[in-house]
Every structure is written in C-alpha cells, then in structure tokens.
Amino acid sequence: MMIDNGILEGLLGEAEVSPRLRANRDMRTSSGDRSQRMLNALLPGTEVPIHRHPQSAESVICLRGRMDEILYDDNGVECARISLCPAEGGYGCQVPKGAWHTVEVHEPSVIFEAKDGTFGSDGSETMAEHLAAAGKFVNSFGDLRKNIEYLIGMERMSGSMEVITPLYVSRMLNVPLPEVEAAMKEMNLTNK
C-alpha cells in the first residue's frame, strides 16, 4: 500500500464526520500481527485520554499537520511537550515505555503510530482507569476547576444563590469535599 495524499485526505475526511474528531487505519498485514501499527487522523478538539503502555515504547511519526505530544508524571502533571510538525522539521518522537501521554492537535494532522501489542491487550490503561483502580477520585467530567466555575456561573445567573459553599459544590458535582475545598481555595472562591 502506498501512503499518499489520497489516503491522508480520506482519513481526514473520515475524522471530520466522526464525533471523536479522529479516524484511523490499521496498517497490520495479517491477523497474527499483535502489534499496533496505524495511521491516525486527528482534528483540533479531539480528546485523547491521558494513557500509557507499560510494556512498550510507542513511535509517533507526524506525516501532516501540527500537534504536540504531551508527557505526564504519575500525578498527571505535564513534564514534557514535544512539538510535531513536518513543515518545521519536527517529524516524530519515541514515547518511553510506561510514560503517561496524550496529544494536543493544533491543525488537522495525520500520524503513524507503532508499538508492541494492541491497546488494552498489552496492559495499556488510561490515567482515569489507573487512579480509579488505586481507589483515588477521578473527576469524569474533566477539570474540576472548570466545573466549579461553570456551576457557580450558572447559579449566579439564575439568581438562586448568592453564596455558594464548598459543601454545595461537593454535593452538586459529586466530588469529595476536601478536593472541592482545596480547588476553591486555589481559585480564591472560599469567601465568596
């Protein structure tokens, strides 16, 4: 198979109509191939959960577009950002075995990804799954601060509450009270 503009354009077209804003093409040539080799078209706004592959490094080659490969520590804190853009000479990277990572897509992009083992069967996991298995709270609605700001904004717009307490936010968002208190303190919202 020739990887040409036609294939890249076709994948980007599939990504445009996908609710996930991405589409991929399996590049393995037999059912016995247990690796992951694929083309992946990603559009700005796609959300790839932070995840890791504990048994394999992952090679990422950017064929078109501009995006960042983002690496995180075990606490979900960003520790490296690698800019991938073939037009600027950033062609690819090797994500180390076991490293938490995701992508931020700046313009329609197509990458080639390769690693040992297929996702899931090789012990790959998302950070949310990992934290849940460890008994730690996982905010499935995204960033806690954004959710707090949204809830407070909605309550104030409706005029139903002047003072919004951490306890109220905790109950409405189903988030442990100490986490809400810490977030609201960081946001300087504890006395409002």
N, C-alpha and C. Protein backbone atom coordinates (compact mmCIF):
# COMPACT_ATOMS: atom_id res chain seq x y z
N MET A 1 0.84 -1.18 0.00
CA MET A 1 0.00 0.00 0.00
C MET A 1 0.88 1.24 0.00
N MET A 2 0.54 2.16 -0.82
CA MET A 2 1.23 3.45 -0.90
C MET A 2 0.54 4.42 0.05
N ILE A 3 1.30 5.06 0.92
CA ILE A 3 0.74 6.09 1.80
C ILE A 3 0.96 7.41 1.08
N ASP A 4 -0.13 7.95 0.53
CA ASP A 4 -0.04 9.17 -0.28
C ASP A 4 -1.08 10.19 0.19
N ASN A 5 -1.15 11.32 -0.52
CA ASN A 5 -2.12 12.36 -0.15
C ASN A 5 -3.55 11.85 -0.17
N GLY A 6 -3.86 10.94 -1.09
CA GLY A 6 -5.22 10.40 -1.17
C GLY A 6 -5.63 9.70 0.12
N ILE A 7 -4.74 8.90 0.66
CA ILE A 7 -5.04 8.19 1.92
C ILE A 7 -5.16 9.19 3.07
N LEU A 8 -4.23 10.15 3.13
CA LEU A 8 -4.28 11.14 4.22
C LEU A 8 -5.55 11.98 4.14
N GLU A 9 -5.90 12.43 2.94
CA GLU A 9 -7.13 13.22 2.76
C GLU A 9 -8.36 12.40 3.13
N GLY A 10 -8.38 11.14 2.72
CA GLY A 10 -9.51 10.27 3.05
C GLY A 10 -9.69 10.10 4.55
N LEU A 11 -8.58 9.89 5.26
CA LEU A 11 -8.66 9.74 6.72
C LEU A 11 -9.10 11.04 7.39
N LEU A 12 -8.59 12.17 6.92
CA LEU A 12 -9.01 13.45 7.49
C LEU A 12 -10.50 13.69 7.24
N GLY A 13 -10.99 13.26 6.07
CA GLY A 13 -12.42 13.36 5.78
C GLY A 13 -13.25 12.51 6.73
N GLU A 14 -12.77 11.31 7.03
CA GLU A 14 -13.47 10.44 8.00
C GLU A 14 -13.47 11.08 9.39
N ALA A 15 -12.35 11.69 9.75
CA ALA A 15 -12.26 12.34 11.07
C ALA A 15 -13.24 13.50 11.18
N GLU A 16 -13.45 14.22 10.09
CA GLU A 16 -14.37 15.38 10.10
C GLU A 16 -15.80 14.97 10.43
N VAL A 17 -16.22 13.78 10.06
CA VAL A 17 -17.60 13.35 10.32
C VAL A 17 -17.70 12.46 11.57
N SER A 18 -16.57 12.21 12.21
CA SER A 18 -16.57 11.38 13.41
C SER A 18 -16.82 12.24 14.64
N PRO A 19 -17.70 11.80 15.55
CA PRO A 19 -17.91 12.55 16.79
C PRO A 19 -16.62 12.68 17.62
N ARG A 20 -15.69 11.75 17.45
CA ARG A 20 -14.42 11.78 18.18
C ARG A 20 -13.39 12.70 17.53
N LEU A 21 -13.69 13.20 16.33
CA LEU A 21 -12.79 14.07 15.58
C LEU A 21 -11.47 13.38 15.26
N ARG A 22 -11.54 12.07 15.06
CA ARG A 22 -10.37 11.32 14.63
C ARG A 22 -10.80 10.03 13.95
N ALA A 23 -9.90 9.51 13.13
CA ALA A 23 -10.15 8.26 12.41
C ALA A 23 -8.81 7.58 12.19
N ASN A 24 -8.81 6.25 12.18
CA ASN A 24 -7.54 5.56 11.96
C ASN A 24 -7.68 4.44 10.95
N ARG A 25 -6.53 4.02 10.45
CA ARG A 25 -6.46 2.91 9.51
C ARG A 25 -5.41 1.94 10.02
N ASP A 26 -5.84 0.72 10.23
CA ASP A 26 -4.96 -0.35 10.68
C ASP A 26 -3.97 -0.67 9.57
N MET A 27 -2.70 -0.68 9.87
CA MET A 27 -1.67 -0.94 8.87
C MET A 27 -1.06 -2.33 9.02
N ARG A 28 -1.62 -3.15 9.90
CA ARG A 28 -1.10 -4.51 10.03
C ARG A 28 -1.53 -5.32 8.81
N THR A 29 -0.74 -6.30 8.45
CA THR A 29 -1.00 -7.04 7.22
C THR A 29 -1.49 -8.46 7.44
N SER A 30 -1.62 -8.88 8.71
CA SER A 30 -2.15 -10.23 8.97
C SER A 30 -2.84 -10.25 10.32
N SER A 31 -3.75 -11.19 10.49
CA SER A 31 -4.46 -11.31 11.76
C SER A 31 -3.54 -11.80 12.87
N GLY A 32 -2.41 -12.38 12.51
CA GLY A 32 -1.45 -12.84 13.51
C GLY A 32 -0.54 -11.75 14.03
N ASP A 33 -0.58 -10.58 13.43
CA ASP A 33 0.26 -9.46 13.85
C ASP A 33 -0.35 -8.84 15.10
N ARG A 34 0.32 -8.98 16.23
CA ARG A 34 -0.20 -8.49 17.52
C ARG A 34 0.39 -7.14 17.91
N SER A 35 0.98 -6.44 16.95
CA SER A 35 1.50 -5.11 17.23
C SER A 35 0.40 -4.08 16.99
N GLN A 36 0.74 -2.84 17.22
CA GLN A 36 -0.15 -1.75 16.82
C GLN A 36 0.63 -0.95 15.79
N ARG A 37 0.11 -0.89 14.59
CA ARG A 37 0.68 -0.07 13.52
C ARG A 37 -0.50 0.56 12.82
N MET A 38 -0.62 1.88 12.90
CA MET A 38 -1.78 2.52 12.28
C MET A 38 -1.50 3.95 11.89
N LEU A 39 -2.30 4.42 10.94
CA LEU A 39 -2.38 5.82 10.62
C LEU A 39 -3.51 6.39 11.45
N ASN A 40 -3.33 7.56 12.01
CA ASN A 40 -4.34 8.16 12.86
C ASN A 40 -4.51 9.61 12.45
N ALA A 41 -5.70 9.96 11.96
CA ALA A 41 -6.03 11.34 11.60
C ALA A 41 -6.70 11.98 12.79
N LEU A 42 -6.20 13.16 13.19
CA LEU A 42 -6.71 13.85 14.38
C LEU A 42 -7.00 15.30 14.03
N LEU A 43 -8.15 15.78 14.48
CA LEU A 43 -8.53 17.17 14.24
C LEU A 43 -8.45 17.97 15.54
N PRO A 44 -8.24 19.28 15.45
CA PRO A 44 -8.25 20.10 16.67
C PRO A 44 -9.55 19.86 17.44
N GLY A 45 -9.43 19.74 18.75
CA GLY A 45 -10.59 19.49 19.60
C GLY A 45 -10.77 18.03 19.96
N THR A 46 -10.08 17.11 19.27
CA THR A 46 -10.20 15.70 19.65
C THR A 46 -9.62 15.52 21.05
N GLU A 47 -10.20 14.62 21.81
CA GLU A 47 -9.73 14.37 23.16
C GLU A 47 -9.22 12.94 23.25
N VAL A 48 -7.92 12.81 23.43
CA VAL A 48 -7.29 11.52 23.63
C VAL A 48 -6.96 11.43 25.12
N PRO A 49 -7.60 10.53 25.86
CA PRO A 49 -7.34 10.46 27.30
C PRO A 49 -5.85 10.24 27.57
N ILE A 50 -5.37 10.79 28.68
CA ILE A 50 -4.00 10.52 29.10
C ILE A 50 -3.92 9.01 29.36
N HIS A 51 -2.91 8.38 28.76
CA HIS A 51 -2.79 6.94 28.86
C HIS A 51 -1.32 6.53 28.82
N ARG A 52 -1.07 5.24 29.05
CA ARG A 52 0.29 4.73 28.97
C ARG A 52 0.27 3.29 28.48
N HIS A 53 1.45 2.86 28.03
CA HIS A 53 1.66 1.49 27.56
C HIS A 53 2.82 0.91 28.39
N PRO A 54 2.51 0.18 29.46
CA PRO A 54 3.56 -0.24 30.39
C PRO A 54 4.54 -1.28 29.84
N GLN A 55 4.20 -1.90 28.71
CA GLN A 55 5.07 -2.94 28.18
C GLN A 55 5.78 -2.56 26.89
N SER A 56 5.58 -1.32 26.42
CA SER A 56 6.16 -0.95 25.13
C SER A 56 6.34 0.55 24.99
N ALA A 57 7.42 0.94 24.34
CA ALA A 57 7.57 2.32 23.89
C ALA A 57 6.64 2.48 22.68
N GLU A 58 6.34 3.73 22.33
CA GLU A 58 5.49 3.98 21.17
C GLU A 58 6.18 4.99 20.25
N SER A 59 6.28 4.64 18.98
CA SER A 59 6.85 5.55 17.99
C SER A 59 5.72 6.33 17.34
N VAL A 60 5.89 7.65 17.24
CA VAL A 60 4.88 8.53 16.64
C VAL A 60 5.59 9.35 15.56
N ILE A 61 5.13 9.23 14.32
CA ILE A 61 5.68 9.99 13.20
C ILE A 61 4.57 10.86 12.63
N CYS A 62 4.79 12.17 12.58
CA CYS A 62 3.79 13.10 12.06
C CYS A 62 4.00 13.25 10.55
N LEU A 63 3.00 12.84 9.80
CA LEU A 63 3.06 12.92 8.34
C LEU A 63 2.53 14.24 7.81
N ARG A 64 1.56 14.81 8.54
CA ARG A 64 0.95 16.07 8.11
C ARG A 64 0.37 16.77 9.32
N GLY A 65 0.44 18.10 9.32
CA GLY A 65 -0.22 18.89 10.35
C GLY A 65 0.73 19.39 11.41
N ARG A 66 0.14 19.75 12.53
CA ARG A 66 0.90 20.30 13.66
C ARG A 66 0.19 19.92 14.95
N MET A 67 0.93 19.31 15.86
CA MET A 67 0.38 18.85 17.13
C MET A 67 1.50 18.72 18.14
N ASP A 68 1.13 18.56 19.40
CA ASP A 68 2.10 18.32 20.47
C ASP A 68 1.83 16.96 21.07
N GLU A 69 2.90 16.23 21.33
CA GLU A 69 2.84 15.02 22.15
C GLU A 69 3.18 15.49 23.55
N ILE A 70 2.32 15.19 24.52
CA ILE A 70 2.49 15.71 25.88
C ILE A 70 2.71 14.53 26.83
N LEU A 71 3.77 14.61 27.64
CA LEU A 71 4.10 13.58 28.61
C LEU A 71 3.79 14.08 30.02
N TYR A 72 3.36 13.16 30.89
CA TYR A 72 2.97 13.49 32.25
C TYR A 72 3.68 12.58 33.25
N ASP A 73 3.79 13.08 34.49
CA ASP A 73 4.32 12.22 35.56
C ASP A 73 3.17 11.39 36.13
N ASP A 74 3.44 10.61 37.14
CA ASP A 74 2.41 9.71 37.71
C ASP A 74 1.29 10.45 38.42
N ASN A 75 1.45 11.76 38.67
CA ASN A 75 0.40 12.55 39.30
C ASN A 75 -0.41 13.35 38.29
N GLY A 76 -0.14 13.13 37.00
CA GLY A 76 -0.87 13.85 35.97
C GLY A 76 -0.37 15.25 35.72
N VAL A 77 0.85 15.55 36.15
CA VAL A 77 1.46 16.85 35.93
C VAL A 77 2.29 16.80 34.65
N GLU A 78 2.05 17.75 33.76
CA GLU A 78 2.79 17.79 32.50
C GLU A 78 4.28 17.93 32.78
N CYS A 79 5.10 17.08 32.15
CA CYS A 79 6.55 17.17 32.37
C CYS A 79 7.33 17.37 31.07
N ALA A 80 6.69 17.18 29.91
CA ALA A 80 7.37 17.43 28.63
C ALA A 80 6.33 17.64 27.55
N ARG A 81 6.70 18.47 26.57
CA ARG A 81 5.83 18.74 25.43
C ARG A 81 6.72 18.72 24.20
N ILE A 82 6.37 17.87 23.24
CA ILE A 82 7.17 17.70 22.03
C ILE A 82 6.34 18.17 20.85
N SER A 83 6.82 19.19 20.17
CA SER A 83 6.11 19.74 19.01
C SER A 83 6.40 18.88 17.79
N LEU A 84 5.34 18.43 17.14
CA LEU A 84 5.46 17.63 15.92
C LEU A 84 4.85 18.42 14.76
N CYS A 85 5.66 18.74 13.78
CA CYS A 85 5.21 19.46 12.60
C CYS A 85 6.25 19.24 11.50
N PRO A 86 5.95 18.39 10.52
CA PRO A 86 6.95 18.11 9.49
C PRO A 86 7.38 19.36 8.72
N ALA A 87 6.49 20.33 8.57
CA ALA A 87 6.85 21.56 7.85
C ALA A 87 7.92 22.36 8.60
N GLU A 88 8.02 22.14 9.92
CA GLU A 88 9.01 22.85 10.73
C GLU A 88 10.16 21.94 11.16
N GLY A 89 10.21 20.73 10.61
CA GLY A 89 11.29 19.80 10.92
C GLY A 89 11.08 18.93 12.14
N GLY A 90 9.89 18.96 12.74
CA GLY A 90 9.57 18.09 13.89
C GLY A 90 8.80 16.89 13.39
N TYR A 91 9.51 15.81 13.07
CA TYR A 91 8.89 14.67 12.38
C TYR A 91 8.28 13.61 13.28
N GLY A 92 8.82 13.44 14.46
CA GLY A 92 8.27 12.38 15.29
C GLY A 92 8.98 12.30 16.62
N CYS A 93 8.56 11.31 17.41
CA CYS A 93 9.16 11.10 18.72
C CYS A 93 8.95 9.66 19.15
N GLN A 94 9.67 9.29 20.18
CA GLN A 94 9.52 7.98 20.81
C GLN A 94 9.00 8.23 22.21
N VAL A 95 7.78 7.78 22.50
CA VAL A 95 7.21 7.88 23.84
C VAL A 95 7.78 6.71 24.64
N PRO A 96 8.47 6.99 25.74
CA PRO A 96 9.10 5.90 26.50
C PRO A 96 8.08 4.91 27.05
N LYS A 97 8.52 3.69 27.19
CA LYS A 97 7.71 2.63 27.79
C LYS A 97 7.18 3.09 29.14
N GLY A 98 5.87 2.97 29.35
CA GLY A 98 5.25 3.31 30.62
C GLY A 98 4.98 4.78 30.85
N ALA A 99 5.34 5.66 29.90
CA ALA A 99 5.13 7.09 30.10
C ALA A 99 3.67 7.47 29.83
N TRP A 100 3.10 8.26 30.74
CA TRP A 100 1.75 8.79 30.54
C TRP A 100 1.83 9.84 29.44
N HIS A 101 0.89 9.80 28.50
CA HIS A 101 0.94 10.76 27.39
C HIS A 101 -0.42 10.98 26.74
N THR A 102 -0.52 12.07 26.00
CA THR A 102 -1.68 12.39 25.18
C THR A 102 -1.19 13.33 24.08
N VAL A 103 -2.14 13.87 23.31
CA VAL A 103 -1.77 14.82 22.26
C VAL A 103 -2.67 16.05 22.34
N GLU A 104 -2.13 17.17 21.86
CA GLU A 104 -2.91 18.37 21.64
C GLU A 104 -2.74 18.72 20.17
N VAL A 105 -3.85 18.73 19.44
CA VAL A 105 -3.81 18.91 17.99
C VAL A 105 -4.09 20.38 17.66
N HIS A 106 -3.17 21.01 16.94
CA HIS A 106 -3.29 22.43 16.59
C HIS A 106 -3.87 22.65 15.20
N GLU A 107 -3.67 21.69 14.30
CA GLU A 107 -4.27 21.76 12.96
C GLU A 107 -4.47 20.32 12.50
N PRO A 108 -5.36 20.09 11.53
CA PRO A 108 -5.61 18.71 11.09
C PRO A 108 -4.28 17.98 10.84
N SER A 109 -4.14 16.83 11.48
CA SER A 109 -2.88 16.09 11.47
C SER A 109 -3.11 14.62 11.19
N VAL A 110 -2.10 14.00 10.61
CA VAL A 110 -2.10 12.54 10.43
C VAL A 110 -0.76 12.04 10.95
N ILE A 111 -0.83 11.04 11.84
CA ILE A 111 0.38 10.44 12.39
C ILE A 111 0.40 8.95 12.09
N PHE A 112 1.58 8.39 12.10
CA PHE A 112 1.77 6.95 12.07
C PHE A 112 2.22 6.56 13.46
N GLU A 113 1.52 5.59 14.08
CA GLU A 113 1.84 5.12 15.42
C GLU A 113 2.23 3.65 15.35
N ALA A 114 3.24 3.28 16.12
CA ALA A 114 3.64 1.88 16.19
C ALA A 114 4.14 1.54 17.59
N LYS A 115 3.72 0.37 18.07
CA LYS A 115 4.20 -0.13 19.36
C LYS A 115 3.94 -1.63 19.41
N ASP A 116 4.53 -2.28 20.40
CA ASP A 116 4.29 -3.70 20.61
C ASP A 116 2.94 -3.88 21.28
N GLY A 117 2.15 -4.82 20.82
CA GLY A 117 0.88 -5.14 21.45
C GLY A 117 -0.23 -4.17 21.10
N THR A 118 -1.46 -4.68 21.02
CA THR A 118 -2.61 -3.84 20.73
C THR A 118 -3.10 -3.20 22.03
N PHE A 119 -3.73 -2.02 21.90
CA PHE A 119 -4.20 -1.29 23.08
C PHE A 119 -5.13 -2.17 23.90
N GLY A 120 -4.94 -2.20 25.19
CA GLY A 120 -5.79 -2.98 26.09
C GLY A 120 -5.23 -4.36 26.35
N SER A 121 -4.85 -5.08 25.30
CA SER A 121 -4.33 -6.43 25.48
C SER A 121 -2.89 -6.41 26.01
N ASP A 122 -2.25 -5.27 25.96
CA ASP A 122 -0.85 -5.16 26.38
C ASP A 122 -0.70 -4.46 27.73
N GLY A 123 -1.78 -4.32 28.46
CA GLY A 123 -1.73 -3.64 29.75
C GLY A 123 -1.89 -2.13 29.65
N SER A 124 -2.11 -1.61 28.44
CA SER A 124 -2.33 -0.17 28.29
C SER A 124 -3.53 0.25 29.12
N GLU A 125 -3.45 1.46 29.67
CA GLU A 125 -4.54 1.95 30.50
C GLU A 125 -4.58 3.46 30.46
N THR A 126 -5.76 4.00 30.73
CA THR A 126 -5.87 5.46 30.85
C THR A 126 -5.52 5.85 32.28
N MET A 127 -5.16 7.12 32.46
CA MET A 127 -4.85 7.59 33.80
C MET A 127 -6.09 7.50 34.69
N ALA A 128 -7.27 7.79 34.14
CA ALA A 128 -8.50 7.70 34.91
C ALA A 128 -8.72 6.27 35.42
N GLU A 129 -8.50 5.27 34.57
CA GLU A 129 -8.63 3.87 34.99
C GLU A 129 -7.62 3.53 36.09
N HIS A 130 -6.40 4.00 35.91
CA HIS A 130 -5.33 3.74 36.87
C HIS A 130 -5.67 4.34 38.24
N LEU A 131 -6.13 5.58 38.25
CA LEU A 131 -6.47 6.24 39.52
C LEU A 131 -7.67 5.57 40.18
N ALA A 132 -8.67 5.20 39.38
CA ALA A 132 -9.84 4.53 39.93
C ALA A 132 -9.46 3.19 40.57
N ALA A 133 -8.58 2.44 39.90
CA ALA A 133 -8.13 1.14 40.44
C ALA A 133 -7.34 1.32 41.73
N ALA A 134 -6.69 2.47 41.86
CA ALA A 134 -5.91 2.75 43.08
C ALA A 134 -6.79 3.34 44.17
N GLY A 135 -8.10 3.47 43.90
CA GLY A 135 -9.02 4.00 44.89
C GLY A 135 -8.98 5.50 45.01
N LYS A 136 -8.41 6.18 44.03
CA LYS A 136 -8.36 7.64 44.06
C LYS A 136 -9.53 8.19 43.27
N PHE A 137 -9.97 9.35 43.67
CA PHE A 137 -11.09 10.00 43.00
C PHE A 137 -10.71 10.38 41.56
N VAL A 138 -11.62 10.12 40.65
CA VAL A 138 -11.44 10.52 39.26
C VAL A 138 -12.61 11.40 38.88
N ASN A 139 -12.35 12.62 38.51
CA ASN A 139 -13.40 13.53 38.06
C ASN A 139 -13.69 13.24 36.60
N SER A 140 -14.72 12.47 36.34
CA SER A 140 -15.00 12.05 34.97
C SER A 140 -15.55 13.17 34.12
N PHE A 141 -15.86 14.31 34.70
CA PHE A 141 -16.39 15.43 33.94
C PHE A 141 -15.31 16.39 33.48
N GLY A 142 -14.06 16.03 33.69
CA GLY A 142 -12.98 16.90 33.24
C GLY A 142 -12.38 17.68 34.38
N ASP A 143 -11.81 18.80 34.07
CA ASP A 143 -11.10 19.62 35.03
C ASP A 143 -12.04 20.14 36.11
N LEU A 144 -11.70 19.87 37.36
CA LEU A 144 -12.56 20.24 38.49
C LEU A 144 -12.77 21.75 38.55
N ARG A 145 -11.72 22.53 38.34
CA ARG A 145 -11.86 23.98 38.42
C ARG A 145 -12.84 24.52 37.39
N LYS A 146 -12.78 23.97 36.18
CA LYS A 146 -13.72 24.41 35.14
C LYS A 146 -15.16 24.09 35.53
N ASN A 147 -15.35 22.92 36.15
CA ASN A 147 -16.69 22.55 36.58
C ASN A 147 -17.19 23.43 37.71
N ILE A 148 -16.30 23.81 38.61
CA ILE A 148 -16.68 24.71 39.70
C ILE A 148 -17.08 26.07 39.13
N GLU A 149 -16.25 26.61 38.22
CA GLU A 149 -16.56 27.91 37.61
C GLU A 149 -17.91 27.86 36.89
N TYR A 150 -18.17 26.77 36.18
CA TYR A 150 -19.43 26.64 35.44
C TYR A 150 -20.61 26.60 36.40
N LEU A 151 -20.51 25.77 37.43
CA LEU A 151 -21.60 25.65 38.40
C LEU A 151 -21.88 26.99 39.08
N ILE A 152 -20.83 27.66 39.53
CA ILE A 152 -21.02 28.96 40.19
C ILE A 152 -21.64 29.96 39.22
N GLY A 153 -21.16 29.99 38.00
CA GLY A 153 -21.72 30.90 37.00
C GLY A 153 -23.19 30.64 36.75
N MET A 154 -23.57 29.38 36.65
CA MET A 154 -24.98 29.03 36.41
C MET A 154 -25.85 29.42 37.60
N GLU A 155 -25.37 29.16 38.79
CA GLU A 155 -26.14 29.50 39.99
C GLU A 155 -26.31 31.02 40.11
N ARG A 156 -25.26 31.76 39.84
CA ARG A 156 -25.34 33.22 39.94
C ARG A 156 -26.23 33.80 38.85
N MET A 157 -26.15 33.23 37.65
CA MET A 157 -27.01 33.71 36.55
C MET A 157 -28.48 33.50 36.87
N SER A 158 -28.78 32.37 37.48
CA SER A 158 -30.18 32.07 37.80
C SER A 158 -30.67 32.91 38.98
N GLY A 159 -29.72 33.47 39.75
CA GLY A 159 -30.09 34.29 40.90
C GLY A 159 -30.55 33.47 42.09
N SER A 160 -30.37 32.15 42.03
CA SER A 160 -30.88 31.31 43.10
C SER A 160 -29.98 31.28 44.33
N MET A 161 -28.71 31.65 44.19
CA MET A 161 -27.81 31.60 45.34
C MET A 161 -26.82 32.75 45.27
N GLU A 162 -26.64 33.44 46.40
CA GLU A 162 -25.61 34.47 46.47
C GLU A 162 -24.28 33.87 46.91
N VAL A 163 -24.33 33.01 47.92
CA VAL A 163 -23.13 32.38 48.46
C VAL A 163 -23.18 30.91 48.09
N ILE A 164 -22.11 30.47 47.45
CA ILE A 164 -22.03 29.07 47.04
C ILE A 164 -20.89 28.44 47.83
N THR A 165 -21.25 27.52 48.69
CA THR A 165 -20.28 26.93 49.61
C THR A 165 -19.59 25.72 48.98
N PRO A 166 -18.41 25.37 49.49
CA PRO A 166 -17.76 24.15 49.03
C PRO A 166 -18.63 22.91 49.24
N LEU A 167 -19.39 22.87 50.32
CA LEU A 167 -20.26 21.72 50.57
C LEU A 167 -21.31 21.59 49.46
N TYR A 168 -21.91 22.71 49.08
CA TYR A 168 -22.89 22.69 47.99
C TYR A 168 -22.25 22.20 46.70
N VAL A 169 -21.07 22.73 46.37
CA VAL A 169 -20.38 22.33 45.14
C VAL A 169 -20.04 20.84 45.19
N SER A 170 -19.56 20.39 46.35
CA SER A 170 -19.21 18.98 46.52
C SER A 170 -20.40 18.07 46.24
N ARG A 171 -21.55 18.45 46.76
CA ARG A 171 -22.76 17.63 46.56
C ARG A 171 -23.25 17.70 45.11
N MET A 172 -23.20 18.88 44.52
CA MET A 172 -23.69 19.03 43.14
C MET A 172 -22.80 18.31 42.12
N LEU A 173 -21.48 18.34 42.34
CA LEU A 173 -20.56 17.72 41.39
C LEU A 173 -20.16 16.30 41.77
N ASN A 174 -20.62 15.85 42.94
CA ASN A 174 -20.29 14.52 43.43
C ASN A 174 -18.78 14.34 43.52
N VAL A 175 -18.14 15.32 44.15
CA VAL A 175 -16.69 15.35 44.33
C VAL A 175 -16.42 15.43 45.83
N PRO A 176 -15.45 14.68 46.34
CA PRO A 176 -15.15 14.75 47.77
C PRO A 176 -14.91 16.18 48.23
N LEU A 177 -15.49 16.52 49.39
CA LEU A 177 -15.42 17.87 49.94
C LEU A 177 -13.98 18.40 50.06
N PRO A 178 -13.01 17.63 50.56
CA PRO A 178 -11.65 18.18 50.67
C PRO A 178 -11.07 18.61 49.31
N GLU A 179 -11.40 17.90 48.25
CA GLU A 179 -10.89 18.27 46.93
C GLU A 179 -11.53 19.57 46.45
N VAL A 180 -12.83 19.72 46.72
CA VAL A 180 -13.52 20.96 46.34
C VAL A 180 -12.98 22.13 47.15
N GLU A 181 -12.80 21.92 48.46
CA GLU A 181 -12.27 23.00 49.31
C GLU A 181 -10.89 23.45 48.82
N ALA A 182 -10.03 22.49 48.50
CA ALA A 182 -8.68 22.84 48.02
C ALA A 182 -8.75 23.60 46.70
N ALA A 183 -9.59 23.14 45.78
CA ALA A 183 -9.71 23.80 44.48
C ALA A 183 -10.28 25.21 44.63
N MET A 184 -11.31 25.36 45.46
CA MET A 184 -11.92 26.68 45.65
C MET A 184 -10.95 27.63 46.36
N LYS A 185 -10.12 27.09 47.26
CA LYS A 185 -9.12 27.93 47.92
C LYS A 185 -8.11 28.44 46.90
N GLU A 186 -7.64 27.53 46.01
CA GLU A 186 -6.70 27.93 44.95
C GLU A 186 -7.30 28.98 44.03
N MET A 187 -8.62 28.89 43.83
CA MET A 187 -9.32 29.81 42.94
C MET A 187 -9.76 31.10 43.66
N ASN A 188 -9.43 31.22 44.94
CA ASN A 188 -9.84 32.36 45.77
C ASN A 188 -11.35 32.51 45.81
N LEU A 189 -12.06 31.40 45.95
CA LEU A 189 -13.53 31.39 45.98
C LEU A 189 -14.09 30.98 47.33
N THR A 190 -13.26 30.82 48.32
CA THR A 190 -13.75 30.31 49.61
C THR A 190 -14.58 31.30 50.38
N ASN A 191 -14.41 32.59 50.16
CA ASN A 191 -15.19 33.58 50.91
C ASN A 191 -16.18 34.32 50.04
N LYS A 192 -16.56 33.75 48.91
CA LYS A 192 -17.47 34.45 48.01
C LYS A 192 -18.84 33.83 48.06
